[in-house]
Structure formats: C-alpha cells, structure tokens
C-alpha cells in the first residue's frame, strides 16, 4: 500500500518536471513564474482543508 502511494507521488512530480522542461526548451520562461504560483496556490488549498488551519488562512486574506 505504501509503495502505491509513493509511485503516485513520484508520477505527479514527473509530470511537473516534464512541464518545466517543456517550458524551458521552448523558451517560455515568462510562464514559469505563473506555473509556480499556481502550484503554490494548489498546495495551499490542499493543506488548508483541515479545520484547524482555517483561522490562520482568514488572517491572510
């Protein structure tokens, strides 16, 4: 069960890596900051689904 979880995470990171390689090779450097911000916002949404973190998020916005 743990190996399945690790493979899932590893495959997701490889997709992100391929995206950055694609952007770099096609000289789309201006898109890299936008992708990074979107990834950070998605991580924020995932980690703030816990009810204990909600009061801290309200203070940010």
PDB file of N, CA and C in Angstrom:
ATOM      1  N   UNK A   1       0.820  -1.188   0.000  1.00  0.00           N
ATOM      2  CA  UNK A   1       0.000   0.000   0.000  1.00  0.00           C
ATOM      3  C   UNK A   1       0.866   1.256   0.000  1.00  0.00           C
ATOM      4  N   UNK A   2       1.964   1.232   0.753  1.00  0.00           N
ATOM      5  CA  UNK A   2       2.848   2.394   0.807  1.00  0.00           C
ATOM      6  C   UNK A   2       3.553   2.588  -0.530  1.00  0.00           C
ATOM      7  N   UNK A   3       3.921   1.504  -1.195  1.00  0.00           N
ATOM      8  CA  UNK A   3       4.593   1.625  -2.482  1.00  0.00           C
ATOM      9  C   UNK A   3       3.670   2.270  -3.514  1.00  0.00           C
ATOM     10  N   UNK A   4       2.399   1.924  -3.455  1.00  0.00           N
ATOM     11  CA  UNK A   4       1.431   2.511  -4.375  1.00  0.00           C
ATOM     12  C   UNK A   4       1.352   4.021  -4.161  1.00  0.00           C
ATOM     13  N   UNK A   5       1.356   4.450  -2.919  1.00  0.00           N
ATOM     14  CA  UNK A   5       1.300   5.866  -2.564  1.00  0.00           C
ATOM     15  C   UNK A   5       2.546   6.594  -3.064  1.00  0.00           C
ATOM     16  N   UNK A   6       3.703   5.958  -2.903  1.00  0.00           N
ATOM     17  CA  UNK A   6       4.965   6.568  -3.363  1.00  0.00           C
ATOM     18  C   UNK A   6       4.993   6.684  -4.880  1.00  0.00           C
ATOM     19  N   UNK A   7       4.532   5.669  -5.567  1.00  0.00           N
ATOM     20  CA  UNK A   7       4.516   5.719  -7.026  1.00  0.00           C
ATOM     21  C   UNK A   7       3.588   6.802  -7.532  1.00  0.00           C
ATOM     22  N   UNK A   8       2.480   7.003  -6.854  1.00  0.00           N
ATOM     23  CA  UNK A   8       1.536   8.032  -7.241  1.00  0.00           C
ATOM     24  C   UNK A   8       2.166   9.420  -7.126  1.00  0.00           C
ATOM     25  N   UNK A   9       2.846   9.666  -6.011  1.00  0.00           N
ATOM     26  CA  UNK A   9       3.505  10.960  -5.810  1.00  0.00           C
ATOM     27  C   UNK A   9       4.639  11.142  -6.809  1.00  0.00           C
ATOM     28  N   UNK A  10       5.400  10.082  -7.036  1.00  0.00           N
ATOM     29  CA  UNK A  10       6.522  10.169  -7.973  1.00  0.00           C
ATOM     30  C   UNK A  10       6.028  10.476  -9.385  1.00  0.00           C
ATOM     31  N   UNK A  11       4.928   9.891  -9.787  1.00  0.00           N
ATOM     32  CA  UNK A  11       4.408  10.157 -11.129  1.00  0.00           C
ATOM     33  C   UNK A  11       3.918  11.591 -11.242  1.00  0.00           C
ATOM     34  N   UNK A  12       3.348  12.130 -10.185  1.00  0.00           N
ATOM     35  CA  UNK A  12       2.888  13.525 -10.228  1.00  0.00           C
ATOM     36  C   UNK A  12       4.065  14.483 -10.321  1.00  0.00           C
ATOM     37  N   UNK A  13       5.145  14.194  -9.606  1.00  0.00           N
ATOM     38  CA  UNK A  13       6.321  15.046  -9.698  1.00  0.00           C
ATOM     39  C   UNK A  13       6.964  14.958 -11.073  1.00  0.00           C
ATOM     40  N   UNK A  14       6.895  13.797 -11.703  1.00  0.00           N
ATOM     41  CA  UNK A  14       7.481  13.675 -13.040  1.00  0.00           C
ATOM     42  C   UNK A  14       6.683  14.493 -14.051  1.00  0.00           C
ATOM     43  N   UNK A  15       5.374  14.608 -13.850  1.00  0.00           N
ATOM     44  CA  UNK A  15       4.555  15.443 -14.737  1.00  0.00           C
ATOM     45  C   UNK A  15       4.950  16.905 -14.587  1.00  0.00           C
ATOM     46  N   UNK A  16       5.146  17.348 -13.366  1.00  0.00           N
ATOM     47  CA  UNK A  16       5.561  18.737 -13.122  1.00  0.00           C
ATOM     48  C   UNK A  16       6.942  18.978 -13.719  1.00  0.00           C
ATOM     49  N   UNK A  17       7.832  18.013 -13.553  1.00  0.00           N
ATOM     50  CA  UNK A  17       9.179  18.142 -14.112  1.00  0.00           C
ATOM     51  C   UNK A  17       9.121  18.239 -15.635  1.00  0.00           C
ATOM     52  N   UNK A  18       8.313  17.407 -16.265  1.00  0.00           N
ATOM     53  CA  UNK A  18       8.181  17.461 -17.717  1.00  0.00           C
ATOM     54  C   UNK A  18       7.618  18.802 -18.184  1.00  0.00           C
ATOM     55  N   UNK A  19       6.702  19.353 -17.420  1.00  0.00           N
ATOM     56  CA  UNK A  19       6.151  20.661 -17.763  1.00  0.00           C
ATOM     57  C   UNK A  19       7.230  21.737 -17.738  1.00  0.00           C
ATOM     58  N   UNK A  20       8.053  21.747 -16.694  1.00  0.00           N
ATOM     59  CA  UNK A  20       9.115  22.743 -16.615  1.00  0.00           C
ATOM     60  C   UNK A  20      10.166  22.549 -17.701  1.00  0.00           C
ATOM     61  N   UNK A  21      10.480  21.309 -18.024  1.00  0.00           N
ATOM     62  CA  UNK A  21      11.433  21.048 -19.120  1.00  0.00           C
ATOM     63  C   UNK A  21      10.857  21.541 -20.443  1.00  0.00           C
ATOM     64  N   UNK A  22       9.577  21.288 -20.670  1.00  0.00           N
ATOM     65  CA  UNK A  22       8.927  21.765 -21.890  1.00  0.00           C
ATOM     66  C   UNK A  22       8.977  23.285 -21.982  1.00  0.00           C
ATOM     67  N   UNK A  23       8.641  23.961 -20.883  1.00  0.00           N
ATOM     68  CA  UNK A  23       8.666  25.423 -20.889  1.00  0.00           C
ATOM     69  C   UNK A  23      10.068  25.962 -21.123  1.00  0.00           C
ATOM     70  N   UNK A  24      11.064  25.320 -20.539  1.00  0.00           N
ATOM     71  CA  UNK A  24      12.447  25.781 -20.688  1.00  0.00           C
ATOM     72  C   UNK A  24      12.951  25.569 -22.115  1.00  0.00           C
ATOM     73  N   UNK A  25      12.671  24.409 -22.682  1.00  0.00           N
ATOM     74  CA  UNK A  25      13.163  24.110 -24.028  1.00  0.00           C
ATOM     75  C   UNK A  25      12.495  24.965 -25.099  1.00  0.00           C
ATOM     76  N   UNK A  26      11.257  25.347 -24.882  1.00  0.00           N
ATOM     77  CA  UNK A  26      10.548  26.169 -25.854  1.00  0.00           C
ATOM     78  C   UNK A  26      10.651  27.658 -25.563  1.00  0.00           C
ATOM     79  N   UNK A  27      11.563  28.008 -24.672  1.00  0.00           N
ATOM     80  CA  UNK A  27      11.842  29.398 -24.318  1.00  0.00           C
ATOM     81  C   UNK A  27      10.598  30.144 -23.840  1.00  0.00           C
ATOM     82  N   UNK A  28       9.827  29.476 -23.034  1.00  0.00           N
ATOM     83  CA  UNK A  28       8.641  30.090 -22.434  1.00  0.00           C
ATOM     84  C   UNK A  28       8.934  30.427 -20.973  1.00  0.00           C
ATOM     85  N   UNK A  29      10.060  31.115 -20.745  1.00  0.00           N
ATOM     86  CA  UNK A  29      10.488  31.427 -19.386  1.00  0.00           C
ATOM     87  C   UNK A  29       9.475  32.292 -18.659  1.00  0.00           C
ATOM     88  N   UNK A  30       8.752  33.114 -19.379  1.00  0.00           N
ATOM     89  CA  UNK A  30       7.783  34.011 -18.758  1.00  0.00           C
ATOM     90  C   UNK A  30       6.618  33.249 -18.138  1.00  0.00           C
ATOM     91  N   UNK A  31       6.413  32.003 -18.540  1.00  0.00           N
ATOM     92  CA  UNK A  31       5.313  31.207 -17.976  1.00  0.00           C
ATOM     93  C   UNK A  31       5.707  30.493 -16.689  1.00  0.00           C
ATOM     94  N   UNK A  32       6.980  30.331 -16.442  1.00  0.00           N
ATOM     95  CA  UNK A  32       7.437  29.584 -15.273  1.00  0.00           C
ATOM     96  C   UNK A  32       6.954  30.218 -13.965  1.00  0.00           C
ATOM     97  N   UNK A  33       7.047  31.544 -13.781  1.00  0.00           N
ATOM     98  CA  UNK A  33       6.514  32.119 -12.526  1.00  0.00           C
ATOM     99  C   UNK A  33       5.012  31.893 -12.350  1.00  0.00           C
ATOM    100  N   UNK A  34       4.267  31.935 -13.447  1.00  0.00           N
ATOM    101  CA  UNK A  34       2.828  31.693 -13.338  1.00  0.00           C
ATOM    102  C   UNK A  34       2.542  30.256 -12.914  1.00  0.00           C
ATOM    103  N   UNK A  35       3.269  29.325 -13.446  1.00  0.00           N
ATOM    104  CA  UNK A  35       3.068  27.917 -13.090  1.00  0.00           C
ATOM    105  C   UNK A  35       3.448  27.689 -11.630  1.00  0.00           C
ATOM    106  N   UNK A  36       4.516  28.312 -11.189  1.00  0.00           N
ATOM    107  CA  UNK A  36       4.945  28.170  -9.796  1.00  0.00           C
ATOM    108  C   UNK A  36       3.882  28.718  -8.851  1.00  0.00           C
ATOM    109  N   UNK A  37       3.330  29.875  -9.171  1.00  0.00           N
ATOM    110  CA  UNK A  37       2.286  30.461  -8.327  1.00  0.00           C
ATOM    111  C   UNK A  37       1.052  29.563  -8.300  1.00  0.00           C
ATOM    112  N   UNK A  38       0.673  29.019  -9.429  1.00  0.00           N
ATOM    113  CA  UNK A  38      -0.480  28.118  -9.459  1.00  0.00           C
ATOM    114  C   UNK A  38      -0.229  26.856  -8.635  1.00  0.00           C
ATOM    115  N   UNK A  39       0.984  26.324  -8.709  1.00  0.00           N
ATOM    116  CA  UNK A  39       1.317  25.152  -7.903  1.00  0.00           C
ATOM    117  C   UNK A  39       1.277  25.474  -6.409  1.00  0.00           C
ATOM    118  N   UNK A  40       1.800  26.635  -6.036  1.00  0.00           N
ATOM    119  CA  UNK A  40       1.776  27.026  -4.624  1.00  0.00           C
ATOM    120  C   UNK A  40       0.349  27.244  -4.128  1.00  0.00           C
ATOM    121  N   UNK A  41      -0.492  27.852  -4.939  1.00  0.00           N
ATOM    122  CA  UNK A  41      -1.888  28.032  -4.543  1.00  0.00           C
ATOM    123  C   UNK A  41      -2.613  26.701  -4.413  1.00  0.00           C
ATOM    124  N   UNK A  42      -2.311  25.772  -5.300  1.00  0.00           N
ATOM    125  CA  UNK A  42      -2.953  24.460  -5.192  1.00  0.00           C
ATOM    126  C   UNK A  42      -2.491  23.727  -3.931  1.00  0.00           C
ATOM    127  N   UNK A  43      -1.213  23.864  -3.588  1.00  0.00           N
ATOM    128  CA  UNK A  43      -0.736  23.266  -2.337  1.00  0.00           C
ATOM    129  C   UNK A  43      -1.390  23.924  -1.133  1.00  0.00           C
ATOM    130  N   UNK A  44      -1.579  25.235  -1.187  1.00  0.00           N
ATOM    131  CA  UNK A  44      -2.254  25.933  -0.102  1.00  0.00           C
ATOM    132  C   UNK A  44      -3.679  25.423   0.077  1.00  0.00           C
ATOM    133  N   UNK A  45      -4.363  25.221  -1.023  1.00  0.00           N
ATOM    134  CA  UNK A  45      -5.736  24.714  -0.949  1.00  0.00           C
ATOM    135  C   UNK A  45      -5.770  23.305  -0.380  1.00  0.00           C
ATOM    136  N   UNK A  46      -4.840  22.472  -0.795  1.00  0.00           N
ATOM    137  CA  UNK A  46      -4.808  21.089  -0.313  1.00  0.00           C
ATOM    138  C   UNK A  46      -4.521  21.040   1.184  1.00  0.00           C
ATOM    139  N   UNK A  47      -3.549  21.831   1.636  1.00  0.00           N
ATOM    140  CA  UNK A  47      -3.162  21.768   3.046  1.00  0.00           C
ATOM    141  C   UNK A  47      -4.120  22.512   3.967  1.00  0.00           C
ATOM    142  N   UNK A  48      -4.946  23.380   3.435  1.00  0.00           N
ATOM    143  CA  UNK A  48      -5.869  24.126   4.295  1.00  0.00           C
ATOM    144  C   UNK A  48      -7.253  23.485   4.374  1.00  0.00           C
ATOM    145  N   UNK A  49      -7.388  22.300   3.909  1.00  0.00           N
ATOM    146  CA  UNK A  49      -8.671  21.616   4.028  1.00  0.00           C
ATOM    147  C   UNK A  49      -8.924  21.164   5.463  1.00  0.00           C
ATOM    148  N   UNK A  50      -7.910  21.205   6.269  1.00  0.00           N
ATOM    149  CA  UNK A  50      -8.067  20.860   7.673  1.00  0.00           C
ATOM    150  C   UNK A  50      -8.738  22.021   8.408  1.00  0.00           C
ATOM    151  N   UNK A  51      -9.656  21.717   9.294  1.00  0.00           N
ATOM    152  CA  UNK A  51     -10.401  22.748  10.018  1.00  0.00           C
ATOM    153  C   UNK A  51      -9.514  23.512  11.011  1.00  0.00           C
ATOM    154  N   UNK A  52      -8.413  22.913  11.450  1.00  0.00           N
ATOM    155  CA  UNK A  52      -7.544  23.565  12.428  1.00  0.00           C
ATOM    156  C   UNK A  52      -6.761  24.729  11.817  1.00  0.00           C
ATOM    157  N   UNK A  53      -6.591  24.737  10.526  1.00  0.00           N
ATOM    158  CA  UNK A  53      -5.776  25.751   9.862  1.00  0.00           C
ATOM    159  C   UNK A  53      -6.631  26.936   9.388  1.00  0.00           C
ATOM    160  N   UNK A  54      -7.919  26.773   9.330  1.00  0.00           N
ATOM    161  CA  UNK A  54      -8.815  27.778   8.762  1.00  0.00           C
ATOM    162  C   UNK A  54      -8.666  29.158   9.410  1.00  0.00           C
ATOM    163  N   UNK A  55      -8.586  29.297  10.745  1.00  0.00           N
ATOM    164  CA  UNK A  55      -8.455  30.643  11.320  1.00  0.00           C
ATOM    165  C   UNK A  55      -7.190  31.376  10.853  1.00  0.00           C
ATOM    166  N   UNK A  56      -6.122  30.653  10.597  1.00  0.00           N
ATOM    167  CA  UNK A  56      -4.895  31.296  10.138  1.00  0.00           C
ATOM    168  C   UNK A  56      -5.000  31.773   8.700  1.00  0.00           C
ATOM    169  N   UNK A  57      -5.744  31.048   7.888  1.00  0.00           N
ATOM    170  CA  UNK A  57      -5.930  31.436   6.492  1.00  0.00           C
ATOM    171  C   UNK A  57      -6.771  32.685   6.393  1.00  0.00           C
ATOM    172  N   UNK A  58      -7.782  32.824   7.254  1.00  0.00           N
ATOM    173  CA  UNK A  58      -8.634  34.017   7.227  1.00  0.00           C
ATOM    174  C   UNK A  58      -7.814  35.278   7.494  1.00  0.00           C
ATOM    175  N   UNK A  59      -6.774  35.171   8.302  1.00  0.00           N
ATOM    176  CA  UNK A  59      -5.968  36.348   8.587  1.00  0.00           C
ATOM    177  C   UNK A  59      -5.107  36.747   7.391  1.00  0.00           C
ATOM    178  N   UNK A  60      -4.817  35.809   6.499  1.00  0.00           N
ATOM    179  CA  UNK A  60      -4.029  36.135   5.311  1.00  0.00           C
ATOM    180  C   UNK A  60      -4.829  36.942   4.296  1.00  0.00           C
ATOM    181  N   UNK A  61      -6.111  36.684   4.237  1.00  0.00           N
ATOM    182  CA  UNK A  61      -6.938  37.351   3.247  1.00  0.00           C
ATOM    183  C   UNK A  61      -7.785  38.370   3.939  1.00  0.00           C
TER     184      UNK A  61
END
